[in-house]
Amino acid sequence: MDIFLKEIPIERNNILVIADEKSESMIVDTLLSPDYTISFAKLDMVALEQAIKEKPDLILLYIVTSDMNGFELLSTMKNISEISHIPVIIVSSFNDIDNEEKGFLLGAVDYIKIPFNTRVLKARIKTHIQIVQQFRIVEQRGIMDGLTNIPNRRYFDDRIVIEWRRALREHQPLSSLMIDIDKFKSYNDTYGHPHGDALLKAVAHVLATTVMRPTDMCARIGGEEFAVILPDTNLDGAVHVAEKLRAAVEALRVPTADGKIITTVTISLGVASLIPQENDSIEEFITRADVHLYNAKKSGRNRVSY
């Protein structure tokens, strides 16, 4: 794991700060400019053009007044394919749970409340930049599943260690989903392995695109098995995501190679969630999700167990 991290190339990452308050921009510039290249944009739709042009590694979105709907801007960003993958951290003066939840549902990777601790802000930015760098390593080193074009078991094992350490350090929840395609062997026997491969690709695409936040990660960990890592997500949130994934796959329609038959498939999911403590272990955490997956399949399949 440590070797994996050391291979990340040293580079000066770019952060786009979107804010209306000049004083806030100056604070951020002072804090971050020693380590990152910082650019600024006003909180309006012109910021979208700048984001598309610059394609920063991370966006810091200030929502401190009601003059401009920053959430609307975030929603628009996440619907523009060129920049939808860029992680967005919200820094907000709105400290209520409803606005925080809204930010995450719209695709923000983090929500920092004002007043914030400068060390915490820098640590969280560093974490998300590290994740960006990890995705680049995935692309550079080819640790993607060759069939489905999503991360493989090796990357899952590396990534969950990163997220575990961060959750332990920041006392934040971490959730994982273990997923299995129901009756996949029968599907292969009925339609043949080439179509089984096509089904795996289709399911992987649905899983990867249904998981919304850039920090969430879906991987194929073997055969017809998949896993999802959900940082900063408690049990209720993880179950909600799992149900979305289950419903999305159930709605999937995949034609056979000759186009004569439209096939369907379902998945079973096991959910584990906790705020890691020093005496907890990643292995037990993953095993817990596996046990729930077994229970989901044993109790009838096409369901979520937690």
Protein backbone atom coordinates (compact mmCIF):
# COMPACT_ATOMS: atom_id res chain seq x y z
CA MET A 1 0.00 0.00 0.00
CA ASP A 2 2.73 2.48 0.93
CA ILE A 3 4.62 1.65 -2.29
CA PHE A 4 1.42 2.28 -4.21
CA LEU A 5 1.11 5.74 -2.70
CA LYS A 6 4.75 6.65 -3.29
CA GLU A 7 4.32 6.07 -7.01
CA ILE A 8 1.92 9.00 -7.30
CA PRO A 9 3.70 11.64 -9.38
CA ILE A 10 4.58 14.87 -7.64
CA GLU A 11 2.56 17.65 -9.23
CA ARG A 12 0.99 20.95 -8.35
CA ASN A 13 -2.74 20.38 -8.44
CA ASN A 14 -5.25 23.03 -9.52
CA ILE A 15 -8.14 24.21 -7.36
CA LEU A 16 -10.93 26.47 -8.58
CA VAL A 17 -12.50 28.56 -5.81
CA ILE A 18 -16.01 29.81 -6.55
CA ALA A 19 -17.04 32.55 -4.13
CA ASP A 20 -18.72 35.96 -4.06
CA GLU A 21 -16.96 37.24 -0.96
CA LYS A 22 -13.51 38.67 -1.76
CA SER A 23 -12.41 38.22 1.83
CA GLU A 24 -13.14 34.50 1.61
CA SER A 25 -11.08 34.24 -1.57
CA MET A 26 -8.16 35.97 0.13
CA ILE A 27 -8.33 33.58 3.08
CA VAL A 28 -8.32 30.55 0.81
CA ASP A 29 -5.48 31.95 -1.31
CA THR A 30 -3.36 32.48 1.80
CA LEU A 31 -4.09 28.97 3.07
CA LEU A 32 -3.74 26.97 -0.11
CA SER A 33 -1.49 28.83 -2.56
CA PRO A 34 1.74 27.42 -1.02
CA ASP A 35 0.64 23.92 -2.04
CA TYR A 36 -1.77 24.35 -4.96
CA THR A 37 -2.37 26.52 -8.00
CA ILE A 38 -5.48 28.55 -7.14
CA SER A 39 -7.89 30.28 -9.52
CA PHE A 40 -11.07 32.16 -8.67
CA ALA A 41 -14.54 32.62 -10.15
CA LYS A 42 -17.62 34.47 -8.98
CA LEU A 43 -20.64 32.51 -7.82
CA ASP A 44 -22.61 32.69 -11.05
CA MET A 45 -23.09 30.66 -14.20
CA VAL A 46 -19.93 32.14 -15.75
CA ALA A 47 -18.07 29.93 -13.26
CA LEU A 48 -19.24 26.96 -15.32
CA GLU A 49 -17.40 28.25 -18.37
CA GLN A 50 -14.25 28.72 -16.31
CA ALA A 51 -14.53 25.22 -14.85
CA ILE A 52 -14.94 23.72 -18.33
CA LYS A 53 -11.96 25.70 -19.63
CA GLU A 54 -9.59 25.01 -16.71
CA LYS A 55 -10.79 21.52 -15.71
CA PRO A 56 -9.38 21.89 -12.17
CA ASP A 57 -8.55 18.92 -9.99
CA LEU A 58 -10.97 20.15 -7.32
CA ILE A 59 -13.62 22.86 -6.91
CA LEU A 60 -14.17 24.73 -3.65
CA LEU A 61 -17.72 26.13 -3.76
CA TYR A 62 -18.62 28.80 -1.21
CA ILE A 63 -22.32 29.09 -0.34
CA VAL A 64 -22.52 31.89 2.20
CA THR A 65 -25.45 34.06 1.08
CA SER A 66 -28.87 33.51 -0.45
CA ASP A 67 -28.24 35.93 -3.35
CA MET A 68 -27.24 33.11 -5.68
CA ASN A 69 -28.39 29.54 -5.43
CA GLY A 70 -25.06 27.75 -5.12
CA PHE A 71 -26.88 24.44 -4.99
CA GLU A 72 -28.34 25.17 -8.42
CA LEU A 73 -24.84 25.82 -9.72
CA LEU A 74 -23.63 22.53 -8.23
CA SER A 75 -26.55 20.66 -9.80
CA THR A 76 -25.74 22.15 -13.20
CA MET A 77 -22.05 21.20 -12.85
CA LYS A 78 -22.95 17.60 -12.19
CA ASN A 79 -25.00 17.48 -15.37
CA ILE A 80 -22.18 18.69 -17.62
CA SER A 81 -20.19 15.66 -18.74
CA GLU A 82 -16.93 17.59 -19.15
CA ILE A 83 -16.77 18.58 -15.48
CA SER A 84 -19.20 16.23 -13.71
CA HIS A 85 -16.29 14.08 -12.46
CA ILE A 86 -14.51 16.98 -10.71
CA PRO A 87 -14.90 16.72 -6.92
CA VAL A 88 -16.68 19.68 -5.31
CA ILE A 89 -16.28 20.67 -1.65
CA ILE A 90 -18.97 22.99 -0.32
CA VAL A 91 -17.94 25.59 2.25
CA SER A 92 -21.17 26.95 3.68
CA SER A 93 -22.60 29.26 6.30
CA PHE A 94 -25.79 27.19 6.21
CA ASN A 95 -25.22 24.84 9.12
CA ASP A 96 -28.49 22.92 9.12
CA ILE A 97 -28.69 19.21 8.30
CA ASP A 98 -31.13 19.73 5.40
CA ASN A 99 -28.69 21.87 3.41
CA GLU A 100 -25.80 19.53 4.20
CA GLU A 101 -27.81 16.55 2.97
CA LYS A 102 -28.85 18.51 -0.13
CA GLY A 103 -25.21 19.20 -0.96
CA PHE A 104 -24.26 15.53 -0.77
CA LEU A 105 -27.29 14.40 -2.76
CA LEU A 106 -26.35 16.86 -5.52
CA GLY A 107 -22.90 15.30 -5.75
CA ALA A 108 -20.60 17.24 -3.39
CA VAL A 109 -17.82 15.13 -1.92
CA ASP A 110 -17.61 17.12 1.31
CA TYR A 111 -19.48 19.85 3.22
CA ILE A 112 -17.51 22.15 5.51
CA LYS A 113 -19.35 24.52 7.79
CA ILE A 114 -18.28 28.09 8.54
CA PRO A 115 -16.49 28.86 10.80
CA PHE A 116 -14.06 26.10 9.92
CA ASN A 117 -10.78 24.92 11.37
CA THR A 118 -8.06 25.76 8.83
CA ARG A 119 -6.14 22.56 9.56
CA VAL A 120 -9.26 20.48 8.96
CA LEU A 121 -9.99 22.31 5.70
CA LYS A 122 -6.46 21.69 4.44
CA ALA A 123 -6.58 18.04 5.52
CA ARG A 124 -9.87 17.40 3.73
CA ILE A 125 -8.66 19.09 0.56
CA LYS A 126 -5.49 16.99 0.68
CA THR A 127 -7.58 13.83 1.03
CA HIS A 128 -9.71 14.58 -2.01
CA ILE A 129 -6.69 15.59 -4.06
CA GLN A 130 -5.10 12.29 -3.11
CA ILE A 131 -8.18 10.46 -4.41
CA VAL A 132 -7.90 12.35 -7.70
CA GLN A 133 -4.28 11.25 -7.94
CA GLN A 134 -5.26 7.67 -7.16
CA PHE A 135 -7.71 7.64 -10.08
CA ARG A 136 -4.91 8.84 -12.33
CA ILE A 137 -2.74 5.99 -11.11
CA VAL A 138 -5.59 3.62 -12.01
CA GLU A 139 -5.53 4.97 -15.56
CA GLN A 140 -1.74 4.96 -15.81
CA ARG A 141 -1.12 1.52 -14.36
CA GLY A 142 -4.10 -0.21 -15.91
CA ILE A 143 -5.49 -1.61 -12.67
CA MET A 144 -8.92 -1.70 -14.21
CA ASP A 145 -10.98 -4.79 -14.84
CA GLY A 146 -10.37 -5.63 -18.47
CA LEU A 147 -13.93 -6.78 -19.17
CA THR A 148 -16.07 -4.17 -17.41
CA ASN A 149 -13.69 -1.18 -17.47
CA ILE A 150 -14.22 -0.38 -13.79
CA PRO A 151 -11.61 -0.73 -11.00
CA ASN A 152 -10.59 -4.28 -10.10
CA ARG A 153 -10.03 -6.11 -6.82
CA ARG A 154 -6.48 -4.83 -6.48
CA TYR A 155 -7.60 -1.22 -6.59
CA PHE A 156 -10.51 -1.95 -4.24
CA ASP A 157 -8.07 -3.36 -1.68
CA ASP A 158 -5.81 -0.30 -1.95
CA ARG A 159 -8.62 2.22 -1.88
CA ILE A 160 -10.46 0.81 1.11
CA VAL A 161 -7.27 1.15 3.17
CA ILE A 162 -7.09 4.84 2.26
CA GLU A 163 -10.72 5.43 3.16
CA TRP A 164 -10.44 3.40 6.38
CA ARG A 165 -7.47 5.44 7.58
CA ARG A 166 -9.23 8.70 6.74
CA ALA A 167 -12.46 7.66 8.50
CA LEU A 168 -10.45 6.56 11.53
CA ARG A 169 -8.51 9.84 11.61
CA GLU A 170 -11.56 12.08 11.12
CA HIS A 171 -14.06 9.96 13.12
CA GLN A 172 -16.35 9.76 10.09
CA PRO A 173 -18.60 6.88 8.96
CA LEU A 174 -17.54 4.49 6.22
CA SER A 175 -19.82 2.06 4.42
CA SER A 176 -19.27 -0.78 1.99
CA LEU A 177 -21.59 -2.79 -0.22
CA MET A 178 -20.94 -6.34 -1.40
CA ILE A 179 -22.95 -7.22 -4.50
CA ASP A 180 -23.60 -10.46 -6.36
CA ILE A 181 -25.56 -11.04 -9.57
CA ASP A 182 -28.34 -13.51 -8.79
CA LYS A 183 -28.26 -16.90 -10.56
CA PHE A 184 -25.46 -15.82 -12.87
CA LYS A 185 -24.32 -19.42 -13.51
CA SER A 186 -27.80 -20.30 -14.78
CA TYR A 187 -27.75 -17.19 -16.93
CA ASN A 188 -24.43 -18.25 -18.48
CA ASP A 189 -25.68 -21.80 -19.02
CA THR A 190 -28.84 -20.53 -20.71
CA TYR A 191 -27.46 -17.82 -22.98
CA GLY A 192 -23.75 -18.64 -23.25
CA HIS A 193 -20.59 -17.03 -21.92
CA PRO A 194 -20.35 -14.26 -24.53
CA HIS A 195 -23.72 -12.94 -23.47
CA GLY A 196 -22.78 -13.47 -19.83
CA ASP A 197 -19.85 -11.14 -20.46
CA ALA A 198 -22.18 -8.60 -22.07
CA LEU A 199 -24.40 -8.77 -19.00
CA LEU A 200 -21.45 -8.19 -16.67
CA LYS A 201 -20.51 -5.10 -18.67
CA ALA A 202 -24.09 -3.78 -18.52
CA VAL A 203 -24.42 -4.36 -14.77
CA ALA A 204 -21.02 -2.76 -14.10
CA HIS A 205 -22.04 0.30 -16.10
CA VAL A 206 -25.30 0.65 -14.17
CA LEU A 207 -23.56 0.30 -10.81
CA ALA A 208 -20.76 2.74 -11.66
CA THR A 209 -23.10 5.41 -13.06
CA THR A 210 -25.74 5.08 -10.32
CA VAL A 211 -23.16 5.73 -7.58
CA MET A 212 -23.13 9.54 -7.76
CA ARG A 213 -20.27 11.08 -5.79
CA PRO A 214 -16.71 11.13 -7.16
CA THR A 215 -15.40 9.75 -3.86
CA ASP A 216 -17.69 6.70 -4.06
CA MET A 217 -16.06 3.77 -5.83
CA CYS A 218 -17.44 0.70 -7.54
CA ALA A 219 -15.19 -2.27 -8.39
CA ARG A 220 -15.48 -5.73 -9.84
CA ILE A 221 -13.85 -7.98 -7.27
CA GLY A 222 -14.26 -11.32 -9.02
CA GLY A 223 -16.60 -13.26 -11.30
CA GLU A 224 -20.09 -11.82 -10.90
CA GLU A 225 -19.17 -10.05 -7.65
CA PHE A 226 -18.90 -6.29 -7.21
CA ALA A 227 -18.18 -3.97 -4.29
CA VAL A 228 -18.86 -0.32 -3.54
CA ILE A 229 -17.02 1.94 -1.08
CA LEU A 230 -19.04 4.85 0.34
CA PRO A 231 -16.94 7.31 2.37
CA ASP A 232 -18.67 9.70 4.80
CA THR A 233 -21.83 7.58 4.59
CA ASN A 234 -23.74 6.16 7.54
CA LEU A 235 -25.91 3.02 7.52
CA ASP A 236 -29.10 4.81 6.44
CA GLY A 237 -27.31 6.49 3.56
CA ALA A 238 -25.64 3.23 2.49
CA VAL A 239 -28.94 1.34 2.52
CA HIS A 240 -30.47 4.13 0.41
CA VAL A 241 -27.66 3.79 -2.16
CA ALA A 242 -27.96 -0.01 -2.11
CA GLU A 243 -31.70 0.16 -2.83
CA LYS A 244 -31.04 2.55 -5.73
CA LEU A 245 -28.50 0.12 -7.17
CA ARG A 246 -30.83 -2.86 -6.72
CA ALA A 247 -33.72 -1.06 -8.46
CA ALA A 248 -31.49 0.21 -11.28
CA VAL A 249 -30.21 -3.29 -12.09
CA GLU A 250 -33.70 -4.77 -11.83
CA ALA A 251 -34.85 -2.24 -14.44
CA LEU A 252 -31.96 -3.18 -16.76
CA ARG A 253 -32.87 -4.80 -20.08
CA VAL A 254 -30.10 -6.56 -22.01
CA PRO A 255 -30.73 -8.09 -25.44
CA THR A 256 -29.05 -11.36 -26.43
CA ALA A 257 -26.43 -11.27 -29.16
CA ASP A 258 -28.99 -12.07 -31.86
CA GLY A 259 -31.36 -9.44 -30.50
CA LYS A 260 -34.24 -11.93 -30.26
CA ILE A 261 -34.50 -12.09 -26.47
CA ILE A 262 -34.51 -9.25 -23.95
CA THR A 263 -33.08 -10.54 -20.69
CA THR A 264 -33.31 -9.27 -17.13
CA VAL A 265 -31.29 -9.88 -14.01
CA THR A 266 -31.30 -8.96 -10.32
CA ILE A 267 -28.65 -8.44 -7.67
CA SER A 268 -28.36 -9.11 -3.96
CA LEU A 269 -26.51 -6.67 -1.72
CA GLY A 270 -24.94 -6.78 1.73
CA VAL A 271 -24.29 -3.54 3.61
CA ALA A 272 -21.79 -2.79 6.37
CA SER A 273 -21.29 0.58 8.02
CA LEU A 274 -19.33 1.92 10.97
CA ILE A 275 -17.17 4.71 12.33
CA PRO A 276 -13.83 2.88 12.59
CA GLN A 277 -12.16 2.63 15.98
CA GLU A 278 -8.58 1.63 16.75
CA ASN A 279 -9.55 -1.93 17.67
CA ASP A 280 -11.63 -2.48 14.51
CA SER A 281 -10.25 -4.20 11.43
CA ILE A 282 -10.87 -3.79 7.71
CA GLU A 283 -11.09 -7.56 7.29
CA GLU A 284 -13.95 -7.83 9.80
CA PHE A 285 -15.66 -4.86 8.17
CA ILE A 286 -15.60 -6.51 4.73
CA THR A 287 -16.63 -9.86 6.21
CA ARG A 288 -19.66 -8.21 7.79
CA ALA A 289 -20.83 -6.99 4.39
CA ASP A 290 -20.19 -10.46 2.94
CA VAL A 291 -22.32 -12.05 5.68
CA HIS A 292 -25.17 -9.67 4.91
CA LEU A 293 -24.81 -10.49 1.20
CA TYR A 294 -25.14 -14.19 2.05
CA ASN A 295 -28.26 -13.43 4.09
CA ALA A 296 -29.77 -11.45 1.20
CA LYS A 297 -29.28 -14.38 -1.17
CA LYS A 298 -30.47 -16.96 1.37
CA SER A 299 -33.66 -15.00 2.09
CA GLY A 300 -34.79 -14.83 -1.54
CA ARG A 301 -32.33 -12.70 -3.58
CA ASN A 302 -33.01 -9.31 -5.21
CA ARG A 303 -32.82 -7.57 -1.86
CA VAL A 304 -30.62 -5.59 0.49
CA SER A 305 -29.49 -7.01 3.83
CA TYR A 306 -27.85 -4.97 6.60
